[in-house]
Structure formats: C-alpha cells, structure tokens
C-alpha atoms as a PDB file:
ATOM      1  CA  MET A   1       4.706 -46.811  -9.357  1.00  0.00           C
ATOM      2  CA  ARG A   2       4.018 -44.435 -12.268  1.00  0.00           C
ATOM      3  CA  GLN A   3       0.269 -44.946 -11.915  1.00  0.00           C
ATOM      4  CA  GLN A   4       0.483 -44.280  -8.188  1.00  0.00           C
ATOM      5  CA  LEU A   5       2.360 -41.028  -8.818  1.00  0.00           C
ATOM      6  CA  LYS A   6      -0.230 -39.945 -11.357  1.00  0.00           C
ATOM      7  CA  ALA A   7      -3.043 -40.717  -8.930  1.00  0.00           C
ATOM      8  CA  PHE A   8      -1.255 -38.776  -6.178  1.00  0.00           C
ATOM      9  CA  ALA A   9      -0.747 -35.803  -8.510  1.00  0.00           C
ATOM     10  CA  ARG A  10      -4.446 -35.821  -9.434  1.00  0.00           C
ATOM     11  CA  LYS A  11      -5.376 -35.830  -5.743  1.00  0.00           C
ATOM     12  CA  ILE A  12      -3.061 -32.886  -4.989  1.00  0.00           C
ATOM     13  CA  PHE A  13      -4.429 -30.939  -7.947  1.00  0.00           C
ATOM     14  CA  LYS A  14      -8.012 -31.602  -6.829  1.00  0.00           C
ATOM     15  CA  ARG A  15      -7.326 -30.542  -3.243  1.00  0.00           C
ATOM     16  CA  LYS A  16      -5.532 -27.411  -4.445  1.00  0.00           C
ATOM     17  CA  SER A  17      -8.571 -26.527  -6.522  1.00  0.00           C
ATOM     18  CA  VAL A  18     -10.894 -27.091  -3.558  1.00  0.00           C
ATOM     19  CA  TYR A  19      -8.673 -24.898  -1.365  1.00  0.00           C
ATOM     20  CA  GLN A  20      -8.634 -22.127  -3.950  1.00  0.00           C
ATOM     21  CA  HIS A  21     -12.428 -22.175  -4.126  1.00  0.00           C
ATOM     22  CA  ALA A  22     -12.610 -22.032  -0.324  1.00  0.00           C
ATOM     23  CA  VAL A  23     -10.269 -19.022  -0.274  1.00  0.00           C
ATOM     24  CA  GLU A  24     -12.383 -17.339  -2.943  1.00  0.00           C
ATOM     25  CA  ARG A  25     -15.599 -17.836  -0.948  1.00  0.00           C
ATOM     26  CA  ARG A  26     -14.010 -16.610   2.279  1.00  0.00           C
ATOM     27  CA  CYS A  27     -12.580 -13.499   0.613  1.00  0.00           C
ATOM     28  CA  LYS A  28     -15.967 -12.623  -0.858  1.00  0.00           C
ATOM     29  CA  GLN A  29     -17.517 -13.045   2.585  1.00  0.00           C
ATOM     30  CA  ILE A  30     -14.855 -10.814   4.182  1.00  0.00           C
ATOM     31  CA  ALA A  31     -15.400  -8.163   1.505  1.00  0.00           C
ATOM     32  CA  ILE A  32     -19.119  -8.091   2.329  1.00  0.00           C
ATOM     33  CA  GLU A  33     -18.619  -8.016   6.100  1.00  0.00           C
ATOM     34  CA  PHE A  34     -15.572  -5.822   6.566  1.00  0.00           C
ATOM     35  CA  VAL A  35     -15.127  -3.540   3.556  1.00  0.00           C
ATOM     36  CA  PRO A  36     -17.163  -0.320   3.950  1.00  0.00           C
ATOM     37  CA  PRO A  37     -20.114  -0.083   1.556  1.00  0.00           C
ATOM     38  CA  PRO A  38     -19.474   1.646  -1.773  1.00  0.00           C
ATOM     39  CA  LYS A  39     -19.274   5.410  -1.643  1.00  0.00           C
ATOM     40  CA  ASP A  40     -21.386   7.657  -3.846  1.00  0.00           C
ATOM     41  CA  ILE A  41     -18.577   8.007  -6.372  1.00  0.00           C
ATOM     42  CA  ALA A  42     -19.461   7.628 -10.028  1.00  0.00           C
ATOM     43  CA  THR A  43     -15.977   7.366 -11.552  1.00  0.00           C
ATOM     44  CA  ASP A  44     -14.932   4.317 -13.547  1.00  0.00           C
ATOM     45  CA  ALA A  45     -11.780   4.089 -11.433  1.00  0.00           C
ATOM     46  CA  TYR A  46     -13.844   3.667  -8.257  1.00  0.00           C
ATOM     47  CA  LYS A  47     -16.028   0.974  -9.839  1.00  0.00           C
ATOM     48  CA  GLN A  48     -12.921  -0.905 -10.949  1.00  0.00           C
ATOM     49  CA  TRP A  49     -11.436  -0.515  -7.467  1.00  0.00           C
ATOM     50  CA  GLN A  50     -14.544  -2.113  -5.962  1.00  0.00           C
ATOM     51  CA  GLU A  51     -14.407  -4.968  -8.473  1.00  0.00           C
ATOM     52  CA  GLY A  52     -10.750  -5.662  -7.645  1.00  0.00           C
ATOM     53  CA  LEU A  53     -11.158  -6.003  -3.878  1.00  0.00           C
ATOM     54  CA  VAL A  54     -11.508  -9.785  -3.748  1.00  0.00           C
ATOM     55  CA  ASP A  55      -8.349 -10.216  -5.813  1.00  0.00           C
ATOM     56  CA  GLU A  56      -6.392  -8.167  -3.251  1.00  0.00           C
ATOM     57  CA  LEU A  57      -7.879 -10.067  -0.313  1.00  0.00           C
ATOM     58  CA  ARG A  58      -7.039 -13.368  -2.015  1.00  0.00           C
ATOM     59  CA  PHE A  59      -3.379 -12.358  -2.289  1.00  0.00           C
ATOM     60  CA  TRP A  60      -3.156 -11.523   1.414  1.00  0.00           C
ATOM     61  CA  SER A  61      -5.107 -14.607   2.484  1.00  0.00           C
ATOM     62  CA  LEU A  62      -2.687 -16.871   0.631  1.00  0.00           C
ATOM     63  CA  SER A  63       0.287 -14.899   1.970  1.00  0.00           C
ATOM     64  CA  VAL A  64      -0.871 -15.342   5.571  1.00  0.00           C
ATOM     65  CA  ALA A  65      -1.820 -18.999   5.043  1.00  0.00           C
ATOM     66  CA  LEU A  66       1.582 -19.794   3.531  1.00  0.00           C
ATOM     67  CA  ASP A  67       3.652 -17.681   5.965  1.00  0.00           C
ATOM     68  CA  GLY A  68       4.599 -15.157   3.334  1.00  0.00           C
ATOM     69  CA  TRP A  69       4.486 -17.424   0.304  1.00  0.00           C
ATOM     70  CA  ASN A  70       7.151 -16.233  -2.208  1.00  0.00           C
ATOM     71  CA  TRP A  71       8.159 -13.222  -0.074  1.00  0.00           C
ATOM     72  CA  ALA A  72       8.506 -15.012   3.261  1.00  0.00           C
ATOM     73  CA  ASP A  73      11.482 -13.064   4.662  1.00  0.00           C
ATOM     74  CA  SER A  74       9.887  -9.670   4.070  1.00  0.00           C
ATOM     75  CA  TYR A  75       6.533 -10.946   5.353  1.00  0.00           C
ATOM     76  CA  ARG A  76       7.951 -12.101   8.697  1.00  0.00           C
ATOM     77  CA  GLN A  77       9.949  -8.900   9.110  1.00  0.00           C
ATOM     78  CA  ARG A  78       6.900  -6.734   8.499  1.00  0.00           C
ATOM     79  CA  LEU A  79       4.735  -8.842  10.802  1.00  0.00           C
ATOM     80  CA  ASP A  80       7.100  -8.188  13.737  1.00  0.00           C
ATOM     81  CA  SER A  81       7.969  -4.604  12.683  1.00  0.00           C
ATOM     82  CA  ASP A  82      11.251  -5.181  14.502  1.00  0.00           C
ATOM     83  CA  PHE A  83      13.656  -3.415  12.158  1.00  0.00           C
ATOM     84  CA  ASP A  84      15.263  -0.036  11.585  1.00  0.00           C
ATOM     85  CA  PHE A  85      13.479   2.963  10.138  1.00  0.00           C
ATOM     86  CA  GLN A  86      14.278   2.959   6.437  1.00  0.00           C
ATOM     87  CA  PHE A  87      14.600   6.678   5.704  1.00  0.00           C
ATOM     88  CA  PRO A  88      16.408   8.474   8.578  1.00  0.00           C
ATOM     89  CA  ALA A  89      17.618  11.308   6.309  1.00  0.00           C
ATOM     90  CA  PHE A  90      14.053  12.585   6.014  1.00  0.00           C
ATOM     91  CA  ILE A  91      13.514  12.999   9.768  1.00  0.00           C
ATOM     92  CA  SER A  92      16.945  13.658  11.291  1.00  0.00           C
ATOM     93  CA  HIS A  93      16.729  17.449  10.738  1.00  0.00           C
ATOM     94  CA  PHE A  94      13.744  17.849  13.056  1.00  0.00           C
ATOM     95  CA  PRO A  95      14.839  19.102  16.490  1.00  0.00           C
ATOM     96  CA  GLU A  96      12.133  17.273  18.440  1.00  0.00           C
ATOM     97  CA  ARG A  97      12.681  13.807  19.872  1.00  0.00           C
ATOM     98  CA  ASP A  98       9.219  12.358  19.145  1.00  0.00           C
ATOM     99  CA  ILE A  99       8.672  11.713  15.452  1.00  0.00           C
ATOM    100  CA  LEU A 100       5.285  10.837  13.955  1.00  0.00           C
ATOM    101  CA  CYS A 101       5.200   9.054  10.594  1.00  0.00           C
ATOM    102  CA  LEU A 102       2.236   8.197   8.413  1.00  0.00           C
ATOM    103  CA  GLU A 103       2.319   5.120   6.198  1.00  0.00           C
ATOM    104  CA  VAL A 104      -0.455   4.979   3.604  1.00  0.00           C
ATOM    105  CA  GLY A 105      -1.804   1.919   1.810  1.00  0.00           C
ATOM    106  CA  VAL A 106       0.338  -0.514   3.782  1.00  0.00           C
ATOM    107  CA  GLY A 107      -1.780  -3.557   3.053  1.00  0.00           C
ATOM    108  CA  ALA A 108      -1.995  -5.855   6.062  1.00  0.00           C
ATOM    109  CA  MET A 109       1.224  -4.714   7.801  1.00  0.00           C
ATOM    110  CA  ALA A 110       3.411  -1.633   8.246  1.00  0.00           C
ATOM    111  CA  SER A 111       6.721  -1.672   6.391  1.00  0.00           C
ATOM    112  CA  LEU A 112       8.704   1.354   7.627  1.00  0.00           C
ATOM    113  CA  GLY A 113      10.204   0.019  10.849  1.00  0.00           C
ATOM    114  CA  GLY A 114      10.633   2.282  13.848  1.00  0.00           C
ATOM    115  CA  LYS A 115      14.096   1.692  15.309  1.00  0.00           C
ATOM    116  CA  GLY A 116      17.661   2.731  14.788  1.00  0.00           C
ATOM    117  CA  VAL A 117      17.546   6.557  14.576  1.00  0.00           C
ATOM    118  CA  ALA A 118      19.664   8.170  17.288  1.00  0.00           C
ATOM    119  CA  ASP A 119      17.861  10.473  19.736  1.00  0.00           C
ATOM    120  CA  LYS A 120      14.499   9.860  18.079  1.00  0.00           C
ATOM    121  CA  VAL A 121      11.400   7.969  19.219  1.00  0.00           C
ATOM    122  CA  ILE A 122       9.487   7.036  16.089  1.00  0.00           C
ATOM    123  CA  THR A 123       5.778   6.269  16.028  1.00  0.00           C
ATOM    124  CA  ILE A 124       4.344   4.731  12.857  1.00  0.00           C
ATOM    125  CA  ILE A 125       0.667   5.224  11.973  1.00  0.00           C
ATOM    126  CA  PRO A 126      -0.122   2.565   9.324  1.00  0.00           C
ATOM    127  CA  THR A 127      -3.338   2.979   7.309  1.00  0.00           C
ATOM    128  CA  ASP A 128      -5.118   1.089   4.571  1.00  0.00           C
ATOM    129  CA  ALA A 129      -8.556   1.155   2.949  1.00  0.00           C
ATOM    130  CA  LEU A 130      -8.923  -2.585   3.625  1.00  0.00           C
ATOM    131  CA  ALA A 131      -7.475  -2.722   7.128  1.00  0.00           C
ATOM    132  CA  ASP A 132     -10.556  -4.277   8.767  1.00  0.00           C
ATOM    133  CA  ALA A 133     -10.685  -6.965   6.084  1.00  0.00           C
ATOM    134  CA  PHE A 134      -6.998  -7.769   6.575  1.00  0.00           C
ATOM    135  CA  ALA A 135      -7.573  -8.003  10.333  1.00  0.00           C
ATOM    136  CA  ALA A 136     -10.293 -10.591   9.642  1.00  0.00           C
ATOM    137  CA  ILE A 137      -7.835 -12.651   7.573  1.00  0.00           C
ATOM    138  CA  PHE A 138      -5.290 -12.520  10.396  1.00  0.00           C
ATOM    139  CA  ARG A 139      -7.928 -13.675  12.872  1.00  0.00           C
ATOM    140  CA  ASP A 140      -8.800 -16.610  10.599  1.00  0.00           C
ATOM    141  CA  PHE A 141      -5.234 -17.873  10.972  1.00  0.00           C
ATOM    142  CA  GLY A 142      -4.618 -16.784  14.568  1.00  0.00           C
ATOM    143  CA  ILE A 143      -1.919 -14.297  13.539  1.00  0.00           C
ATOM    144  CA  ASN A 144      -1.181 -11.059  15.413  1.00  0.00           C
ATOM    145  CA  SER A 145       0.565  -8.061  13.898  1.00  0.00           C
ATOM    146  CA  ARG A 146       2.691  -5.886  16.166  1.00  0.00           C
ATOM    147  CA  PHE A 147       1.209  -2.639  14.843  1.00  0.00           C
ATOM    148  CA  PRO A 148      -2.390  -3.189  13.678  1.00  0.00           C
ATOM    149  CA  VAL A 149      -3.332  -1.221  10.577  1.00  0.00           C
ATOM    150  CA  ILE A 150      -5.954   1.537  10.847  1.00  0.00           C
ATOM    151  CA  GLN A 151      -8.927   1.533   8.494  1.00  0.00           C
ATOM    152  CA  CYS A 152      -8.680   4.648   6.310  1.00  0.00           C
ATOM    153  CA  ASP A 153      -8.930   5.296   2.575  1.00  0.00           C
ATOM    154  CA  ALA A 154      -5.942   7.157   1.157  1.00  0.00           C
ATOM    155  CA  GLU A 155      -8.482   9.578  -0.282  1.00  0.00           C
ATOM    156  CA  SER A 156      -9.979  10.253   3.178  1.00  0.00           C
ATOM    157  CA  LEU A 157      -6.868  10.916   5.279  1.00  0.00           C
ATOM    158  CA  LEU A 158      -7.889  14.475   6.141  1.00  0.00           C
ATOM    159  CA  ASP A 159     -11.087  13.137   7.693  1.00  0.00           C
ATOM    160  CA  SER A 160      -8.991  11.434  10.366  1.00  0.00           C
ATOM    161  CA  TYR A 161      -5.811  13.518  10.740  1.00  0.00           C
ATOM    162  CA  ARG A 162      -4.963  17.208  11.007  1.00  0.00           C
ATOM    163  CA  PRO A 163      -2.861  19.096   8.459  1.00  0.00           C
ATOM    164  CA  ASP A 164       0.799  19.674   9.388  1.00  0.00           C
ATOM    165  CA  SER A 165       0.758  16.858  11.964  1.00  0.00           C
ATOM    166  CA  PHE A 166       3.257  14.305  10.582  1.00  0.00           C
ATOM    167  CA  HIS A 167       7.004  14.597  10.171  1.00  0.00           C
ATOM    168  CA  PHE A 168       7.051  12.105   7.322  1.00  0.00           C
ATOM    169  CA  ALA A 169       4.509  10.369   5.076  1.00  0.00           C
ATOM    170  CA  TYR A 170       5.206   7.283   3.000  1.00  0.00           C
ATOM    171  CA  ALA A 171       3.372   5.264   0.365  1.00  0.00           C
ATOM    172  CA  SER A 172       4.907   2.287  -1.413  1.00  0.00           C
ATOM    173  CA  ASN A 173       3.441   0.190  -4.200  1.00  0.00           C
ATOM    174  CA  CYS A 174      -0.111   1.256  -3.388  1.00  0.00           C
ATOM    175  CA  LEU A 175      -1.168   4.429  -5.224  1.00  0.00           C
ATOM    176  CA  ASP A 176      -1.801   2.417  -8.375  1.00  0.00           C
ATOM    177  CA  HIS A 177      -4.533   0.680  -6.319  1.00  0.00           C
ATOM    178  CA  CYS A 178      -6.333   3.899  -5.356  1.00  0.00           C
ATOM    179  CA  TYR A 179      -9.515   5.129  -6.966  1.00  0.00           C
ATOM    180  CA  ASP A 180      -8.153   8.713  -6.770  1.00  0.00           C
ATOM    181  CA  PRO A 181      -4.352   8.716  -6.327  1.00  0.00           C
ATOM    182  CA  VAL A 182      -4.070  12.441  -7.020  1.00  0.00           C
ATOM    183  CA  SER A 183      -6.294  13.224  -4.030  1.00  0.00           C
ATOM    184  CA  ALA A 184      -4.275  10.783  -1.907  1.00  0.00           C
ATOM    185  CA  ILE A 185      -1.012  12.579  -2.754  1.00  0.00           C
ATOM    186  CA  GLN A 186      -2.578  15.984  -2.101  1.00  0.00           C
ATOM    187  CA  GLN A 187      -3.795  14.870   1.325  1.00  0.00           C
ATOM    188  CA  MET A 188      -0.469  13.308   2.265  1.00  0.00           C
ATOM    189  CA  PHE A 189       1.252  16.585   1.371  1.00  0.00           C
ATOM    190  CA  SER A 190      -1.236  18.541   3.474  1.00  0.00           C
ATOM    191  CA  LEU A 191      -0.605  16.273   6.462  1.00  0.00           C
ATOM    192  CA  VAL A 192       3.189  16.668   6.650  1.00  0.00           C
ATOM    193  CA  LYS A 193       4.729  19.493   8.668  1.00  0.00           C
ATOM    194  CA  PRO A 194       6.775  22.296   7.074  1.00  0.00           C
ATOM    195  CA  SER A 195      10.141  20.765   6.055  1.00  0.00           C
ATOM    196  CA  GLY A 196       8.464  17.351   6.170  1.00  0.00           C
ATOM    197  CA  THR A 197       8.518  14.992   3.212  1.00  0.00           C
ATOM    198  CA  VAL A 198       6.099  12.787   1.333  1.00  0.00           C
ATOM    199  CA  LEU A 199       7.988   9.810  -0.094  1.00  0.00           C
ATOM    200  CA  LEU A 200       6.463   7.642  -2.818  1.00  0.00           C
ATOM    201  CA  GLY A 201       7.978   4.434  -4.199  1.00  0.00           C
ATOM    202  CA  HIS A 202       6.205   2.461  -6.918  1.00  0.00           C
ATOM    203  CA  HIS A 203       6.626   0.153  -9.853  1.00  0.00           C
ATOM    204  CA  ILE A 204       6.663   2.129 -13.088  1.00  0.00           C
ATOM    205  CA  ASN A 205       3.447   1.916 -15.116  1.00  0.00           C
ATOM    206  CA  VAL A 206       2.242  -1.154 -13.251  1.00  0.00           C
ATOM    207  CA  ALA A 207      -1.354  -0.932 -14.510  1.00  0.00           C
ATOM    208  CA  VAL A 208      -0.076  -1.421 -18.061  1.00  0.00           C
ATOM    209  CA  SER A 209       2.143  -4.350 -17.087  1.00  0.00           C
ATOM    210  CA  GLU A 210      -0.761  -5.930 -15.142  1.00  0.00           C
ATOM    211  CA  ASP A 211      -3.186  -5.240 -18.010  1.00  0.00           C
ATOM    212  CA  TYR A 212      -5.388  -3.197 -15.623  1.00  0.00           C
ATOM    213  CA  ASN A 213      -6.364  -6.307 -13.666  1.00  0.00           C
ATOM    214  CA  GLY A 214      -7.555  -6.275 -10.056  1.00  0.00           C
ATOM    215  CA  LEU A 215      -6.770  -3.076  -8.183  1.00  0.00           C
ATOM    216  CA  HIS A 216      -4.025  -2.082 -10.628  1.00  0.00           C
ATOM    217  CA  GLN A 217      -5.810   0.850 -12.244  1.00  0.00           C
ATOM    218  CA  TRP A 218      -3.184   3.628 -12.381  1.00  0.00           C
ATOM    219  CA  ASN A 219       0.311   4.127 -13.747  1.00  0.00           C
ATOM    220  CA  LEU A 220       3.064   6.213 -12.155  1.00  0.00           C
ATOM    221  CA  CYS A 221       6.081   7.382 -14.126  1.00  0.00           C
ATOM    222  CA  GLU A 222       8.385  10.250 -15.059  1.00  0.00           C
ATOM    223  CA  ILE A 223       7.561  12.206 -18.213  1.00  0.00           C
ATOM    224  CA  ASP A 224      10.025  14.895 -19.314  1.00  0.00           C
ATOM    225  CA  GLY A 225      11.352  15.218 -15.766  1.00  0.00           C
ATOM    226  CA  ARG A 226       7.887  15.496 -14.192  1.00  0.00           C
ATOM    227  CA  PHE A 227       5.977  13.065 -12.000  1.00  0.00           C
ATOM    228  CA  ALA A 228       2.866  11.797 -13.786  1.00  0.00           C
ATOM    229  CA  VAL A 229      -0.103   9.651 -12.745  1.00  0.00           C
ATOM    230  CA  TRP A 230      -2.250   8.293 -15.566  1.00  0.00           C
ATOM    231  CA  ASN A 231      -4.509   5.578 -16.896  1.00  0.00           C
ATOM    232  CA  ARG A 232      -6.397   4.862 -20.096  1.00  0.00           C
ATOM    233  CA  ASN A 233      -8.738   7.796 -19.550  1.00  0.00           C
ATOM    234  CA  GLU A 234      -6.709  10.625 -17.969  1.00  0.00           C
ATOM    235  CA  LYS A 235      -3.253  11.954 -17.154  1.00  0.00           C
ATOM    236  CA  HIS A 236      -2.147  14.223 -14.282  1.00  0.00           C
ATOM    237  CA  PHE A 237       1.150  15.977 -13.608  1.00  0.00           C
ATOM    238  CA  ILE A 238       1.410  16.176  -9.830  1.00  0.00           C
ATOM    239  CA  ASP A 239       3.412  19.417  -9.768  1.00  0.00           C
ATOM    240  CA  GLU A 240       0.253  21.083 -11.117  1.00  0.00           C
ATOM    241  CA  LYS A 241      -1.840  19.588  -8.307  1.00  0.00           C
ATOM    242  CA  LEU A 242       0.229  20.732  -5.304  1.00  0.00           C
ATOM    243  CA  PRO A 243       1.037  24.177  -3.851  1.00  0.00           C
ATOM    244  CA  GLU A 244       4.112  26.108  -4.933  1.00  0.00           C
ATOM    245  CA  ASN A 245       5.963  25.103  -1.749  1.00  0.00           C
ATOM    246  CA  ALA A 246       6.239  21.493  -2.981  1.00  0.00           C
ATOM    247  CA  ARG A 247       9.800  20.579  -3.978  1.00  0.00           C
ATOM    248  CA  PHE A 248      10.138  17.431  -6.083  1.00  0.00           C
ATOM    249  CA  GLU A 249      13.010  14.994  -6.456  1.00  0.00           C
ATOM    250  CA  ILE A 250      12.505  12.073  -8.828  1.00  0.00           C
ATOM    251  CA  SER A 251      14.683   9.033  -9.396  1.00  0.00           C
ATOM    252  CA  THR A 252      14.019   5.957 -11.496  1.00  0.00           C
ATOM    253  CA  SER A 253      15.598   2.538 -11.735  1.00  0.00           C
ATOM    254  CA  LYS A 254      15.014   0.991 -15.134  1.00  0.00           C
ATOM    255  CA  ASN A 255      16.527  -2.317 -14.010  1.00  0.00           C
ATOM    256  CA  GLN A 256      14.069  -2.607 -11.133  1.00  0.00           C
ATOM    257  CA  ASN A 257      11.263  -0.803 -12.961  1.00  0.00           C
ATOM    258  CA  TRP A 258      10.880   1.479  -9.937  1.00  0.00           C
ATOM    259  CA  ILE A 259      10.221   5.184  -9.459  1.00  0.00           C
ATOM    260  CA  THR A 260      10.921   7.072  -6.230  1.00  0.00           C
ATOM    261  CA  VAL A 261       9.465  10.529  -5.706  1.00  0.00           C
ATOM    262  CA  SER A 262      10.156  12.741  -2.685  1.00  0.00           C
ATOM    263  CA  ILE A 263       8.006  15.834  -2.204  1.00  0.00           C
ATOM    264  CA  GLN A 264       9.184  18.190   0.521  1.00  0.00           C
ATOM    265  CA  LYS A 265       6.998  20.910   1.996  1.00  0.00           C
ATOM    266  CA  THR A 266       9.394  23.892   1.964  1.00  0.00           C
END
C-alpha cells in the first residue's frame, strides 16, 4: 500500500508540473497576442512592468481554472457583480440620480458592486491595462463576466475619458503594479467631478514585502502624515503632485497592513 501511495504521489506531482508548464506557455502566448506592444518609455519601472506581465496572467489563469483558488468566495462575487456598492458615502451627496464610477486596475473583474444605494442608478466602468488578455483567459475556460473590463492603462485614462466626468474613482491593490502610479493618480483626480472623490486602498509597501517580484514595483505608505509612493530609485509625495483643491484623508491598518487614501476634489 505504501508503495502504491508513493507512486500515486509521484504521478500527481508530475501532472501538476506538466499543467504548470502548460499554463506558463499559454500565458506567454496570451501576452504576445493580447497585450499591446511596448510603449516608447525608457524608465526602469516600465521595463520591469513588461517583464512581470506573465506572472500576473499566470495568477489569473490559475484563479479562473480553479474557480477562485484560495479566494473563491470573493472571486464568484466579483464575477457576478451582484452585490451592493461598497462606498455609498462618497456618492450620496450628488443630487443627480445617475452615478458614473470609474474603477482602475481591476484585474479581470470589477469589484465595486452597483446596487443598494437609494435613489441612485450606478454605472461602473472597470478598466485594466491587461483587460484583453484577461478576456482571452476567460474565453479559454468558457467563463463570462457580467461587466467586461475595458482595456486601458491607468497612465492613459485621459486618452479615453473626459475630465470632470466621473462621480467617483477607485483603485484597489493595483497602483503598485503600474509603471507610473503618480500619473495614474493625477489622471484619476482629473477625471472626477468637483466634490467627487478618488479612493485608493492598497497593501502598505507591498513591493518591499514581495521583494520587487513580478508587477510589484512600487510601495505606498504614509510618511509623517503624507501619502507617499516610492521604490528603490525614487520617492513622491502625492500632495505635491495634485492641485491645491485636493483634500486628503489617510487611514492605515497596521494589523491588515493596509492604507486607505481618499482624495476629494473640493
């Protein structure tokens, strides 16, 4: 019996290895076919972003193949997008009924939800720099998302949308993946209406904790009461990068290693 179990374990290990190689090959193929060609950007951060693409696609391919893997409940909820809007306090003051929200760097699926706010009809516009690649992964497994993600770099939002057009803009756990997160924040702020809010929620200093692997190339944190974005080569305080009508509120959770930053356009 023991020998049979060992033989079975060796077979499982071998098949797992074969599957992992197959996923790797498919993700490289998707990156070639569906990720836009490299831009004429000479920064080290952009080169590292390009090099980390396959790692990001591998994560989503395994997540879709395994029905959410180790985050199955959240995965299924996001796939259906059938849940309440998470941040009603940021939109309830607007007098209009129709509310337009931008979600940046969503990955393969939107996460905000669009229900549950009285007297409001909420439309979510989800965007991601790898949206077309994620759509290819979904097609591989015959999966449909309720709100397909729109292909758009966080650094190119103003190429697709007009300033002062969104009531609310949200980015969660994604700016550390950007090749220019400062530009992404500036564009999100430009896109929200007066009295609108940009809300950012991220792991604190995730590039350090991930040893700058994959797309994790930037750290976000609070330094002396100010919101900072930095890596091994540069540091930026975002209050210096936005107009004077930007009002910041910063909260951190040391237990969850999480920073939340709201930036209202006053």
